Amino acid sequence: MDNFKFDEATQKELATFLEREQAQARINATVHTLTSMCWDKCVTGTPGSRFARGEEGCLLNCVDRFLDTSLFIIKTIEGQRSQLQS
């Protein structure tokens, strides 16, 4: 088994799987970072049953920017994937 090698199709499948997993890990890291950032930026006091004045609007705006950023990241990753496949 010392000289065991995957065939070309299996190597390509593994590379594709690894690329997808790495992209998902980057997205998850971004989600975590932006969620933390939005919370730290917008929630200024101790959380209660309701957000303080301005916190809800701030969170909504921050989430909107987060979604814009997420879509941008996905499009960028898809573009990179297309370039790799070309």
Protein backbone atom coordinates (compact mmCIF):
# COMPACT_ATOMS: atom_id res chain seq x y z
CA MET A 1 0.00 0.00 0.00
CA ASP A 2 3.03 2.31 0.09
CA ASN A 3 2.63 3.10 -3.63
CA PHE A 4 -1.17 3.47 -3.59
CA LYS A 5 -2.38 6.38 -5.72
CA PHE A 6 -5.85 7.58 -6.61
CA ASP A 7 -6.82 7.58 -10.26
CA GLU A 8 -7.21 10.94 -12.00
CA ALA A 9 -11.01 11.03 -11.65
CA THR A 10 -10.80 10.35 -7.91
CA GLN A 11 -8.08 12.98 -7.47
CA LYS A 12 -10.25 15.53 -9.30
CA GLU A 13 -13.28 14.60 -7.18
CA LEU A 14 -11.24 14.96 -3.98
CA ALA A 15 -9.87 18.32 -5.12
CA THR A 16 -13.39 19.56 -5.89
CA PHE A 17 -14.65 18.33 -2.52
CA LEU A 18 -11.75 20.01 -0.72
CA GLU A 19 -12.34 23.27 -2.59
CA ARG A 20 -16.03 23.24 -1.62
CA GLU A 21 -15.23 22.51 2.02
CA GLN A 22 -12.65 25.30 2.13
CA ALA A 23 -15.12 27.73 0.56
CA GLN A 24 -17.76 26.71 3.10
CA ALA A 25 -15.26 27.18 5.94
CA ARG A 26 -14.44 30.68 4.66
CA ILE A 27 -18.14 31.54 4.47
CA ASN A 28 -18.74 30.20 7.97
CA ALA A 29 -15.80 32.21 9.31
CA THR A 30 -17.18 35.31 7.62
CA VAL A 31 -20.67 34.71 9.05
CA HIS A 32 -19.19 34.35 12.54
CA THR A 33 -17.04 37.47 12.19
CA LEU A 34 -19.83 39.63 10.81
CA THR A 35 -22.38 38.38 13.32
CA SER A 36 -20.02 39.20 16.15
CA MET A 37 -19.19 42.56 14.61
CA CYS A 38 -22.88 43.50 14.16
CA TRP A 39 -23.69 42.49 17.73
CA ASP A 40 -20.73 44.40 19.18
CA LYS A 41 -21.48 47.46 17.07
CA CYS A 42 -25.23 47.61 17.64
CA VAL A 43 -26.04 46.13 21.04
CA THR A 44 -24.65 48.61 23.52
CA GLY A 45 -26.26 47.46 26.74
CA THR A 46 -27.21 44.27 28.48
CA PRO A 47 -29.65 42.32 26.29
CA GLY A 48 -33.18 42.23 27.64
CA SER A 49 -36.51 41.19 26.23
CA ARG A 50 -36.33 44.05 23.68
CA PHE A 51 -33.59 45.95 21.93
CA ALA A 52 -32.87 49.50 23.06
CA ARG A 53 -33.76 52.42 20.81
CA GLY A 54 -31.62 52.36 17.68
CA GLU A 55 -30.27 48.84 18.23
CA GLU A 56 -32.90 47.15 16.06
CA GLY A 57 -32.34 49.54 13.16
CA CYS A 58 -28.61 49.19 13.50
CA LEU A 59 -28.86 45.39 13.48
CA LEU A 60 -31.16 45.43 10.44
CA ASN A 61 -28.77 47.69 8.55
CA CYS A 62 -25.79 45.59 9.60
CA VAL A 63 -27.58 42.39 8.51
CA ASP A 64 -28.41 43.96 5.15
CA ARG A 65 -24.74 44.81 4.64
CA PHE A 66 -23.87 41.28 5.80
CA LEU A 67 -26.19 39.78 3.16
CA ASP A 68 -24.70 42.04 0.49
CA THR A 69 -21.24 40.92 1.54
CA SER A 70 -22.24 37.25 1.58
CA LEU A 71 -23.62 37.48 -1.94
CA PHE A 72 -20.44 39.20 -3.06
CA ILE A 73 -18.31 36.44 -1.50
CA ILE A 74 -20.40 33.71 -3.14
CA LYS A 75 -20.16 35.37 -6.55
CA THR A 76 -16.41 35.79 -6.12
CA ILE A 77 -15.96 32.13 -5.16
CA GLU A 78 -18.09 31.03 -8.11
CA GLY A 79 -16.00 33.22 -10.42
CA GLN A 80 -12.79 31.72 -9.08
CA ARG A 81 -14.20 28.21 -9.51
CA SER A 82 -15.12 29.02 -13.14
CA GLN A 83 -11.61 30.30 -13.79
CA LEU A 84 -10.08 27.15 -12.31
CA GLN A 85 -12.29 24.93 -14.47
CA SER A 86 -11.39 26.85 -17.66
